[in-house]
Amino acid sequence: MELDAARSVFTALGATPDLARGQAESTVTVNQLPGGLTEREAEVLALVATGRTNREVAAQLVISEKTVASHLSHIFTKLDISSRAAATAYAYEHGLTDRTSG
């Protein structure tokens, strides 16, 4: 809403550089993931939410099991959760489960 209001003012004032910056910022905002997750963390979370083990997630993403565990640790911290069940619930509540492919 604030960006829309700013765009209106910038347009009225003819402030083209500020208008362009506002449009760029709104694009970044739209692409942000919930909870401050990175793209890779969202991928890991989506796979965990389907019931995959760390080993299965690692195999699918072609990363090590330790890397999966590290991603899960970061996910748990960012989302302030402490279990795979809570992570699964979060993934479903925030529409992250459609990121799995297979």
N, C-alpha and C. Protein backbone atom coordinates (compact mmCIF):
# COMPACT_ATOMS: atom_id res chain seq x y z
N MET A 1 0.82 -1.19 0.00
CA MET A 1 0.00 0.00 0.00
C MET A 1 0.87 1.26 0.00
N GLU A 2 1.90 1.23 0.83
CA GLU A 2 2.78 2.40 0.92
C GLU A 2 3.50 2.66 -0.40
N LEU A 3 3.92 1.58 -1.06
CA LEU A 3 4.59 1.76 -2.34
C LEU A 3 3.63 2.32 -3.39
N ASP A 4 2.38 1.89 -3.35
CA ASP A 4 1.39 2.43 -4.29
C ASP A 4 1.19 3.93 -4.06
N ALA A 5 1.12 4.33 -2.79
CA ALA A 5 0.95 5.75 -2.47
C ALA A 5 2.17 6.54 -2.93
N ALA A 6 3.36 5.98 -2.71
CA ALA A 6 4.58 6.66 -3.13
C ALA A 6 4.62 6.79 -4.64
N ARG A 7 4.23 5.73 -5.36
CA ARG A 7 4.20 5.79 -6.82
C ARG A 7 3.31 6.91 -7.31
N SER A 8 2.15 7.07 -6.68
CA SER A 8 1.22 8.14 -7.08
C SER A 8 1.85 9.51 -6.90
N VAL A 9 2.51 9.72 -5.78
CA VAL A 9 3.16 11.00 -5.50
C VAL A 9 4.30 11.24 -6.48
N PHE A 10 5.15 10.20 -6.71
CA PHE A 10 6.27 10.35 -7.62
C PHE A 10 5.79 10.65 -9.04
N THR A 11 4.72 10.00 -9.45
CA THR A 11 4.17 10.25 -10.78
C THR A 11 3.69 11.70 -10.89
N ALA A 12 2.97 12.16 -9.88
CA ALA A 12 2.44 13.53 -9.88
C ALA A 12 3.57 14.55 -9.90
N LEU A 13 4.68 14.23 -9.24
CA LEU A 13 5.82 15.15 -9.18
C LEU A 13 6.76 15.01 -10.37
N GLY A 14 6.58 13.97 -11.16
CA GLY A 14 7.49 13.72 -12.26
C GLY A 14 8.83 13.18 -11.82
N ALA A 15 8.85 12.53 -10.69
CA ALA A 15 10.10 11.99 -10.12
C ALA A 15 10.34 10.58 -10.67
N THR A 16 10.77 10.51 -11.93
CA THR A 16 10.95 9.24 -12.62
C THR A 16 11.96 8.31 -11.94
N PRO A 17 13.14 8.77 -11.51
CA PRO A 17 14.08 7.85 -10.85
C PRO A 17 13.50 7.22 -9.59
N ASP A 18 12.79 8.01 -8.81
CA ASP A 18 12.18 7.48 -7.59
C ASP A 18 11.06 6.50 -7.92
N LEU A 19 10.34 6.77 -8.97
CA LEU A 19 9.28 5.87 -9.41
C LEU A 19 9.87 4.53 -9.81
N ALA A 20 10.97 4.56 -10.57
CA ALA A 20 11.63 3.32 -10.99
C ALA A 20 12.14 2.53 -9.78
N ARG A 21 12.72 3.23 -8.81
CA ARG A 21 13.21 2.56 -7.61
C ARG A 21 12.05 1.90 -6.85
N GLY A 22 10.94 2.57 -6.77
CA GLY A 22 9.76 2.01 -6.09
C GLY A 22 9.26 0.76 -6.78
N GLN A 23 9.30 0.75 -8.10
CA GLN A 23 8.86 -0.43 -8.84
C GLN A 23 9.82 -1.60 -8.61
N ALA A 24 11.11 -1.31 -8.57
CA ALA A 24 12.10 -2.36 -8.32
C ALA A 24 11.92 -2.95 -6.93
N GLU A 25 11.68 -2.10 -5.93
CA GLU A 25 11.49 -2.58 -4.56
C GLU A 25 10.23 -3.42 -4.43
N SER A 26 9.18 -3.07 -5.15
CA SER A 26 7.95 -3.85 -5.05
C SER A 26 8.14 -5.23 -5.66
N THR A 27 8.99 -5.35 -6.69
CA THR A 27 9.30 -6.65 -7.28
C THR A 27 10.04 -7.52 -6.28
N VAL A 28 11.00 -6.96 -5.57
CA VAL A 28 11.76 -7.70 -4.57
C VAL A 28 10.82 -8.18 -3.47
N THR A 29 9.92 -7.33 -3.02
CA THR A 29 8.99 -7.69 -1.96
C THR A 29 8.11 -8.86 -2.36
N VAL A 30 7.63 -8.87 -3.59
CA VAL A 30 6.75 -9.93 -4.07
C VAL A 30 7.47 -11.28 -4.07
N ASN A 31 8.76 -11.29 -4.38
CA ASN A 31 9.51 -12.53 -4.49
C ASN A 31 10.06 -13.05 -3.18
N GLN A 32 9.90 -12.33 -2.08
CA GLN A 32 10.43 -12.78 -0.80
C GLN A 32 9.64 -13.97 -0.29
N LEU A 33 10.34 -14.86 0.37
CA LEU A 33 9.72 -16.05 0.93
C LEU A 33 9.32 -15.79 2.38
N PRO A 34 8.31 -16.50 2.86
CA PRO A 34 7.89 -16.30 4.25
C PRO A 34 8.98 -16.71 5.23
N GLY A 35 9.01 -16.03 6.36
CA GLY A 35 9.95 -16.37 7.43
C GLY A 35 11.39 -16.01 7.14
N GLY A 36 11.63 -15.30 6.05
CA GLY A 36 13.01 -14.95 5.70
C GLY A 36 13.80 -16.12 5.15
N LEU A 37 13.12 -17.15 4.70
CA LEU A 37 13.79 -18.33 4.17
C LEU A 37 14.46 -18.03 2.84
N THR A 38 15.57 -18.70 2.59
CA THR A 38 16.21 -18.63 1.28
C THR A 38 15.49 -19.60 0.35
N GLU A 39 15.78 -19.50 -0.94
CA GLU A 39 15.18 -20.43 -1.91
C GLU A 39 15.52 -21.87 -1.55
N ARG A 40 16.79 -22.11 -1.21
CA ARG A 40 17.22 -23.48 -0.90
C ARG A 40 16.56 -23.98 0.38
N GLU A 41 16.45 -23.13 1.39
CA GLU A 41 15.77 -23.54 2.62
C GLU A 41 14.31 -23.88 2.34
N ALA A 42 13.67 -23.11 1.47
CA ALA A 42 12.28 -23.39 1.11
C ALA A 42 12.17 -24.73 0.38
N GLU A 43 13.15 -25.04 -0.47
CA GLU A 43 13.17 -26.33 -1.16
C GLU A 43 13.30 -27.47 -0.15
N VAL A 44 14.24 -27.32 0.77
CA VAL A 44 14.46 -28.35 1.79
C VAL A 44 13.20 -28.52 2.63
N LEU A 45 12.62 -27.41 3.05
CA LEU A 45 11.40 -27.47 3.86
C LEU A 45 10.27 -28.17 3.12
N ALA A 46 10.11 -27.86 1.86
CA ALA A 46 9.04 -28.48 1.07
C ALA A 46 9.24 -29.99 1.00
N LEU A 47 10.46 -30.43 0.82
CA LEU A 47 10.74 -31.86 0.75
C LEU A 47 10.54 -32.55 2.10
N VAL A 48 10.97 -31.89 3.15
CA VAL A 48 10.76 -32.43 4.50
C VAL A 48 9.27 -32.56 4.78
N ALA A 49 8.51 -31.59 4.31
CA ALA A 49 7.06 -31.60 4.55
C ALA A 49 6.36 -32.76 3.85
N THR A 50 7.02 -33.35 2.84
CA THR A 50 6.44 -34.51 2.17
C THR A 50 6.81 -35.81 2.86
N GLY A 51 7.57 -35.71 3.97
CA GLY A 51 7.93 -36.89 4.74
C GLY A 51 9.29 -37.47 4.38
N ARG A 52 10.03 -36.79 3.54
CA ARG A 52 11.35 -37.31 3.16
C ARG A 52 12.33 -37.19 4.32
N THR A 53 13.25 -38.13 4.38
CA THR A 53 14.32 -38.09 5.38
C THR A 53 15.41 -37.15 4.90
N ASN A 54 16.35 -36.83 5.79
CA ASN A 54 17.49 -36.00 5.39
C ASN A 54 18.25 -36.65 4.24
N ARG A 55 18.41 -37.95 4.30
CA ARG A 55 19.12 -38.67 3.25
C ARG A 55 18.39 -38.54 1.91
N GLU A 56 17.08 -38.67 1.93
CA GLU A 56 16.29 -38.55 0.69
C GLU A 56 16.33 -37.13 0.13
N VAL A 57 16.25 -36.15 1.03
CA VAL A 57 16.33 -34.75 0.61
C VAL A 57 17.70 -34.48 -0.03
N ALA A 58 18.74 -34.97 0.62
CA ALA A 58 20.11 -34.79 0.11
C ALA A 58 20.25 -35.40 -1.28
N ALA A 59 19.72 -36.60 -1.45
CA ALA A 59 19.84 -37.27 -2.75
C ALA A 59 19.08 -36.50 -3.83
N GLN A 60 17.90 -36.02 -3.51
CA GLN A 60 17.10 -35.31 -4.51
C GLN A 60 17.74 -33.97 -4.90
N LEU A 61 18.33 -33.27 -3.92
CA LEU A 61 18.91 -31.95 -4.19
C LEU A 61 20.40 -32.02 -4.54
N VAL A 62 20.96 -33.23 -4.51
CA VAL A 62 22.37 -33.47 -4.80
C VAL A 62 23.26 -32.60 -3.88
N ILE A 63 22.99 -32.73 -2.59
CA ILE A 63 23.78 -32.09 -1.55
C ILE A 63 24.03 -33.13 -0.46
N SER A 64 24.88 -32.82 0.49
CA SER A 64 25.18 -33.79 1.54
C SER A 64 24.09 -33.77 2.62
N GLU A 65 24.04 -34.85 3.38
CA GLU A 65 23.10 -34.92 4.50
C GLU A 65 23.44 -33.85 5.54
N LYS A 66 24.73 -33.55 5.72
CA LYS A 66 25.12 -32.50 6.66
C LYS A 66 24.59 -31.15 6.21
N THR A 67 24.58 -30.91 4.92
CA THR A 67 24.05 -29.65 4.39
C THR A 67 22.55 -29.57 4.64
N VAL A 68 21.85 -30.68 4.46
CA VAL A 68 20.41 -30.71 4.74
C VAL A 68 20.18 -30.40 6.21
N ALA A 69 20.96 -31.03 7.09
CA ALA A 69 20.83 -30.79 8.53
C ALA A 69 21.09 -29.32 8.86
N SER A 70 22.08 -28.74 8.20
CA SER A 70 22.39 -27.33 8.42
C SER A 70 21.23 -26.44 7.97
N HIS A 71 20.67 -26.74 6.80
CA HIS A 71 19.51 -25.97 6.32
C HIS A 71 18.35 -26.10 7.31
N LEU A 72 18.11 -27.32 7.81
CA LEU A 72 17.01 -27.51 8.75
C LEU A 72 17.25 -26.73 10.04
N SER A 73 18.48 -26.69 10.50
CA SER A 73 18.81 -25.91 11.69
C SER A 73 18.49 -24.43 11.47
N HIS A 74 18.88 -23.92 10.31
CA HIS A 74 18.58 -22.52 9.99
C HIS A 74 17.07 -22.28 9.88
N ILE A 75 16.37 -23.22 9.27
CA ILE A 75 14.91 -23.11 9.12
C ILE A 75 14.26 -23.07 10.50
N PHE A 76 14.66 -24.00 11.38
CA PHE A 76 14.08 -24.05 12.72
C PHE A 76 14.32 -22.74 13.46
N THR A 77 15.52 -22.20 13.33
CA THR A 77 15.85 -20.93 14.01
C THR A 77 15.02 -19.78 13.44
N LYS A 78 15.00 -19.66 12.12
CA LYS A 78 14.27 -18.56 11.49
C LYS A 78 12.78 -18.59 11.79
N LEU A 79 12.21 -19.79 11.83
CA LEU A 79 10.77 -19.93 12.04
C LEU A 79 10.40 -20.11 13.51
N ASP A 80 11.41 -20.17 14.37
CA ASP A 80 11.22 -20.37 15.81
C ASP A 80 10.38 -21.62 16.08
N ILE A 81 10.81 -22.71 15.48
CA ILE A 81 10.16 -24.01 15.67
C ILE A 81 11.22 -25.02 16.08
N SER A 82 10.78 -26.19 16.54
CA SER A 82 11.77 -27.15 17.03
C SER A 82 11.52 -28.58 16.57
N SER A 83 10.64 -28.78 15.59
CA SER A 83 10.40 -30.14 15.14
C SER A 83 10.06 -30.18 13.65
N ARG A 84 10.25 -31.35 13.08
CA ARG A 84 9.89 -31.55 11.67
C ARG A 84 8.38 -31.41 11.49
N ALA A 85 7.63 -31.84 12.50
CA ALA A 85 6.16 -31.72 12.41
C ALA A 85 5.75 -30.26 12.34
N ALA A 86 6.35 -29.42 13.16
CA ALA A 86 6.04 -27.98 13.12
C ALA A 86 6.49 -27.38 11.80
N ALA A 87 7.63 -27.83 11.28
CA ALA A 87 8.12 -27.35 9.99
C ALA A 87 7.15 -27.74 8.88
N THR A 88 6.64 -28.96 8.95
CA THR A 88 5.68 -29.43 7.96
C THR A 88 4.41 -28.59 8.00
N ALA A 89 3.92 -28.33 9.19
CA ALA A 89 2.72 -27.51 9.33
C ALA A 89 2.95 -26.12 8.75
N TYR A 90 4.12 -25.54 9.04
CA TYR A 90 4.45 -24.21 8.52
C TYR A 90 4.47 -24.23 6.99
N ALA A 91 5.09 -25.26 6.42
CA ALA A 91 5.18 -25.36 4.96
C ALA A 91 3.79 -25.40 4.33
N TYR A 92 2.88 -26.17 4.90
CA TYR A 92 1.53 -26.25 4.35
C TYR A 92 0.76 -24.95 4.56
N GLU A 93 0.91 -24.34 5.72
CA GLU A 93 0.20 -23.09 6.01
C GLU A 93 0.64 -21.95 5.11
N HIS A 94 1.90 -22.00 4.64
CA HIS A 94 2.44 -20.90 3.84
C HIS A 94 2.63 -21.26 2.36
N GLY A 95 2.01 -22.35 1.93
CA GLY A 95 2.03 -22.70 0.52
C GLY A 95 3.39 -23.07 -0.04
N LEU A 96 4.27 -23.60 0.79
CA LEU A 96 5.60 -23.95 0.32
C LEU A 96 5.70 -25.38 -0.21
N THR A 97 4.67 -26.16 -0.04
CA THR A 97 4.73 -27.57 -0.43
C THR A 97 4.66 -27.77 -1.94
N ASP A 98 4.26 -26.76 -2.69
CA ASP A 98 4.19 -26.90 -4.14
C ASP A 98 5.55 -26.76 -4.81
N ARG A 99 6.62 -26.64 -4.02
CA ARG A 99 7.98 -26.49 -4.54
C ARG A 99 8.62 -27.83 -4.83
N THR A 100 8.00 -28.92 -4.43
CA THR A 100 8.60 -30.23 -4.65
C THR A 100 8.37 -30.68 -6.10
N SER A 101 9.32 -31.42 -6.60
CA SER A 101 9.19 -31.92 -7.97
C SER A 101 9.58 -33.40 -8.00
N GLY A 102 8.61 -34.22 -7.62
CA GLY A 102 8.88 -35.64 -7.70
C GLY A 102 8.76 -36.35 -6.43
